[in-house]
């Protein structure tokens, strides 16, 4: 079957080299948890609770992490749960989205879980249809791309089940199609680099494919059209 996506074109002439892309340095920064603390919906709500009377954030990320937590405070375990694998569908998007996109984000997460094997597939949502649904939603709504990347990073973090490999495989597909926001970029690159360059990790090979796909997408643009379900 002929594919319907066009080959990515480069804006540079054959003799011109594209400008270098600065990737995340291994400096202890740009962790997924750090991104989540400032951007995830649940985290933002917690930050609102920690604001002082004049509206300023009561302490930095480090202060919050090192503070002595009371029973009703935000515990370190709660923070880690935001970015760890779960076998339960989410009830709202990870990032703050409007109501329409929130519903689509929930659907995307369920598709991620079905593709990975954490939820059963159905005649309506086969593995192929799940991938197609995710790609179509991200193609139509650019703001969903960061959400899906965060979902996939979450589902491949501390995932000790056999479904993790399929999560990385799905991440490699998404990375071949879509860029992410400037805000997420250093965190996503750092996540992929950390997994790809550590050969002790079980999925470092697939993580490296994800990294190479994302680098190409960031430099040249991803695939322009989503293939049909049949393709």
Protein backbone atom coordinates (compact mmCIF):
# COMPACT_ATOMS: atom_id res chain seq x y z
CA UNK A 1 0.00 0.00 0.00
CA UNK A 2 1.32 3.42 -0.89
CA UNK A 3 1.85 5.63 2.11
CA UNK A 4 0.20 9.04 2.06
CA UNK A 5 2.78 10.97 4.01
CA UNK A 6 5.32 13.01 2.14
CA UNK A 7 9.03 12.71 2.68
CA UNK A 8 10.24 15.43 5.07
CA UNK A 9 11.94 18.21 3.18
CA UNK A 10 14.87 20.19 4.47
CA UNK A 11 14.87 24.01 4.27
CA UNK A 12 18.62 23.87 3.65
CA UNK A 13 20.46 23.49 0.34
CA UNK A 14 22.55 20.34 -0.19
CA UNK A 15 25.81 22.17 0.58
CA UNK A 16 24.43 23.84 3.68
CA UNK A 17 24.57 22.22 7.10
CA UNK A 18 21.57 22.68 9.39
CA UNK A 19 22.29 24.70 12.54
CA UNK A 20 23.31 22.60 15.54
CA UNK A 21 20.65 21.62 18.04
CA UNK A 22 21.66 22.01 21.66
CA UNK A 23 20.64 18.93 23.56
CA UNK A 24 20.09 18.57 27.27
CA UNK A 25 23.35 18.35 29.17
CA UNK A 26 23.91 15.70 31.80
CA UNK A 27 23.90 18.28 34.56
CA UNK A 28 21.31 16.85 36.91
CA UNK A 29 18.70 19.23 35.57
CA UNK A 30 15.74 18.78 33.23
CA UNK A 31 14.31 15.70 34.93
CA UNK A 32 10.74 14.67 34.22
CA UNK A 33 9.88 15.28 37.87
CA UNK A 34 11.20 18.82 37.63
CA UNK A 35 9.02 19.47 34.59
CA UNK A 36 6.03 17.89 36.32
CA UNK A 37 6.45 20.01 39.43
CA UNK A 38 5.92 23.17 37.44
CA UNK A 39 3.64 22.03 34.63
CA UNK A 40 1.45 19.10 35.60
CA UNK A 41 -2.13 19.89 36.53
CA UNK A 42 -1.95 18.15 39.91
CA UNK A 43 1.32 19.89 40.71
CA UNK A 44 -0.06 23.32 39.81
CA UNK A 45 -2.97 22.81 42.18
CA UNK A 46 -0.56 21.89 44.95
CA UNK A 47 1.57 24.95 44.22
CA UNK A 48 -1.52 27.13 44.56
CA UNK A 49 -2.01 25.70 48.04
CA UNK A 50 1.60 26.54 48.92
CA UNK A 51 1.44 30.15 47.79
CA UNK A 52 2.00 32.79 50.42
CA UNK A 53 -0.49 35.55 51.12
CA UNK A 54 1.16 37.93 48.65
CA UNK A 55 0.82 35.40 45.85
CA UNK A 56 4.42 34.28 45.66
CA UNK A 57 5.45 30.64 45.59
CA UNK A 58 6.47 29.64 49.09
CA UNK A 59 9.83 28.12 48.27
CA UNK A 60 11.51 26.63 45.26
CA UNK A 61 11.45 23.05 44.03
CA UNK A 62 14.41 22.24 46.28
CA UNK A 63 12.82 23.86 49.32
CA UNK A 64 9.59 21.91 48.79
CA UNK A 65 11.47 18.65 48.35
CA UNK A 66 13.58 19.18 51.45
CA UNK A 67 10.84 20.54 53.69
CA UNK A 68 9.41 18.45 56.50
CA UNK A 69 6.02 17.32 55.33
CA UNK A 70 3.00 17.11 57.57
CA UNK A 71 0.26 14.55 57.02
CA UNK A 72 -1.76 16.94 54.89
CA UNK A 73 1.22 18.28 52.96
CA UNK A 74 2.54 17.25 49.60
CA UNK A 75 4.70 14.19 50.24
CA UNK A 76 7.71 13.12 48.22
CA UNK A 77 5.87 9.90 47.37
CA UNK A 78 2.97 11.90 45.91
CA UNK A 79 5.38 13.86 43.75
CA UNK A 80 6.97 10.69 42.39
CA UNK A 81 3.56 9.18 41.66
CA UNK A 82 2.95 11.97 39.13
CA UNK A 83 5.71 10.68 36.87
CA UNK A 84 5.63 6.92 37.55
CA UNK A 85 3.95 4.15 35.59
CA UNK A 86 0.36 3.40 36.51
CA UNK A 87 -1.94 0.54 35.53
CA UNK A 88 -5.00 2.70 36.15
CA UNK A 89 -6.45 5.09 33.51
CA UNK A 90 -6.17 8.79 34.30
CA UNK A 91 -9.31 10.79 35.06
CA UNK A 92 -7.90 14.08 33.73
CA UNK A 93 -5.04 15.22 31.55
CA UNK A 94 -1.55 15.42 33.04
CA UNK A 95 -1.12 18.97 31.74
CA UNK A 96 -3.62 21.78 32.11
CA UNK A 97 -5.87 21.62 29.04
CA UNK A 98 -9.34 22.89 28.23
CA UNK A 99 -12.31 20.56 28.60
CA UNK A 100 -12.36 19.38 24.97
CA UNK A 101 -8.67 18.51 24.90
CA UNK A 102 -8.88 17.06 28.40
CA UNK A 103 -11.33 14.44 27.12
CA UNK A 104 -9.06 13.66 24.17
CA UNK A 105 -6.05 13.38 26.49
CA UNK A 106 -7.90 10.79 28.57
CA UNK A 107 -8.72 8.88 25.38
CA UNK A 108 -5.07 9.04 24.30
CA UNK A 109 -3.93 7.64 27.64
CA UNK A 110 -6.37 4.75 27.32
CA UNK A 111 -5.03 4.12 23.82
CA UNK A 112 -1.50 4.11 25.21
CA UNK A 113 -2.56 1.56 27.83
CA UNK A 114 -4.33 -0.65 25.28
CA UNK A 115 -1.37 -0.59 22.91
CA UNK A 116 1.04 -1.40 25.73
CA UNK A 117 -1.19 -4.20 27.01
CA UNK A 118 -2.20 -2.60 30.31
CA UNK A 119 -5.82 -2.52 29.12
CA UNK A 120 -7.46 -5.06 26.80
CA UNK A 121 -7.97 -4.12 23.18
CA UNK A 122 -11.48 -4.10 21.72
CA UNK A 123 -12.93 -4.41 18.20
CA UNK A 124 -13.25 -0.62 18.24
CA UNK A 125 -9.78 -0.04 19.66
CA UNK A 126 -7.33 -2.53 18.21
CA UNK A 127 -3.59 -1.91 18.62
CA UNK A 128 -3.45 -0.30 15.18
CA UNK A 129 -6.52 1.85 15.85
CA UNK A 130 -5.00 3.00 19.14
CA UNK A 131 -1.85 4.21 17.39
CA UNK A 132 -3.92 5.86 14.67
CA UNK A 133 -6.12 7.63 17.25
CA UNK A 134 -3.11 9.05 19.08
CA UNK A 135 -1.46 10.24 15.87
CA UNK A 136 -4.66 11.82 14.55
CA UNK A 137 -5.38 13.69 17.79
CA UNK A 138 -1.80 15.00 17.93
CA UNK A 139 -1.92 15.93 14.25
CA UNK A 140 -5.10 17.95 14.73
CA UNK A 141 -4.34 19.49 18.12
CA UNK A 142 -0.76 20.64 18.56
CA UNK A 143 -1.19 21.24 22.29
CA UNK A 144 -1.90 17.53 22.77
CA UNK A 145 1.61 16.59 21.67
CA UNK A 146 3.27 17.59 24.94
CA UNK A 147 0.53 15.73 26.81
CA UNK A 148 1.12 12.50 24.89
CA UNK A 149 4.89 12.77 25.30
CA UNK A 150 4.40 13.22 29.05
CA UNK A 151 2.02 10.25 29.14
CA UNK A 152 4.57 8.04 27.38
CA UNK A 153 7.42 9.17 29.62
CA UNK A 154 5.27 8.44 32.65
CA UNK A 155 4.31 4.98 31.42
CA UNK A 156 7.93 4.03 30.72
CA UNK A 157 9.18 5.31 34.08
CA UNK A 158 9.63 2.68 36.79
CA UNK A 159 7.57 0.27 34.71
CA UNK A 160 8.70 -3.18 35.79
CA UNK A 161 6.16 -5.02 33.66
CA UNK A 162 6.62 -6.56 30.22
CA UNK A 163 4.50 -3.75 28.74
CA UNK A 164 7.36 -1.25 29.02
CA UNK A 165 8.97 -2.33 25.75
CA UNK A 166 5.77 -1.51 23.87
CA UNK A 167 5.67 1.88 25.55
CA UNK A 168 9.10 2.69 24.17
CA UNK A 169 8.05 1.40 20.76
CA UNK A 170 5.02 3.71 20.76
CA UNK A 171 7.22 6.60 21.85
CA UNK A 172 9.50 5.96 18.86
CA UNK A 173 6.48 6.21 16.53
CA UNK A 174 5.26 9.48 18.04
CA UNK A 175 8.79 10.93 17.92
CA UNK A 176 8.93 10.26 14.16
CA UNK A 177 5.85 12.43 13.62
CA UNK A 178 5.71 15.28 16.09
CA UNK A 179 7.88 17.90 17.74
CA UNK A 180 7.19 19.19 21.22
CA UNK A 181 7.06 22.65 22.77
CA UNK A 182 10.20 24.64 23.56
CA UNK A 183 9.22 24.26 27.21
CA UNK A 184 9.23 20.45 27.13
CA UNK A 185 12.10 19.98 24.68
CA UNK A 186 15.09 19.90 27.08
CA UNK A 187 13.22 17.60 29.46
CA UNK A 188 12.15 15.18 26.72
CA UNK A 189 15.64 15.09 25.24
CA UNK A 190 17.17 14.53 28.66
CA UNK A 191 14.74 11.67 29.33
CA UNK A 192 15.59 9.95 26.05
CA UNK A 193 19.33 10.57 26.34
CA UNK A 194 19.45 9.18 29.86
CA UNK A 195 17.73 5.97 28.76
CA UNK A 196 19.59 5.64 25.45
CA UNK A 197 23.12 6.18 26.75
CA UNK A 198 22.87 3.83 29.73
CA UNK A 199 23.47 0.34 28.36
CA UNK A 200 22.49 -1.18 31.69
CA UNK A 201 18.90 -0.22 30.94
CA UNK A 202 16.78 -2.94 29.36
CA UNK A 203 15.36 -0.72 26.61
CA UNK A 204 18.35 1.49 25.79
CA UNK A 205 18.28 0.33 22.16
CA UNK A 206 14.67 1.36 21.60
CA UNK A 207 15.28 4.55 23.58
CA UNK A 208 18.09 5.38 21.17
CA UNK A 209 15.70 4.91 18.23
CA UNK A 210 13.31 7.32 19.97
CA UNK A 211 16.13 9.82 20.43
CA UNK A 212 17.25 9.64 16.81
CA UNK A 213 13.67 9.97 15.57
CA UNK A 214 13.08 13.02 17.75
CA UNK A 215 16.32 14.67 16.65
CA UNK A 216 15.36 14.24 13.00
CA UNK A 217 11.87 15.56 13.70
CA UNK A 218 13.22 18.61 15.53
CA UNK A 219 15.68 19.35 12.73
CA UNK A 220 13.67 18.59 9.60
CA UNK A 221 10.07 18.42 10.76
CA UNK A 222 8.13 15.23 11.28
CA UNK A 223 6.06 13.27 8.81
CA UNK A 224 3.46 15.56 7.33
CA UNK A 225 0.47 13.24 7.14
CA UNK A 226 -0.81 10.46 9.34
CA UNK A 227 -1.20 7.13 7.48
CA UNK A 228 -4.63 5.54 7.28
CA UNK A 229 -5.61 2.65 9.53
CA UNK A 230 -5.21 0.27 6.58
CA UNK A 231 -1.66 1.46 6.00
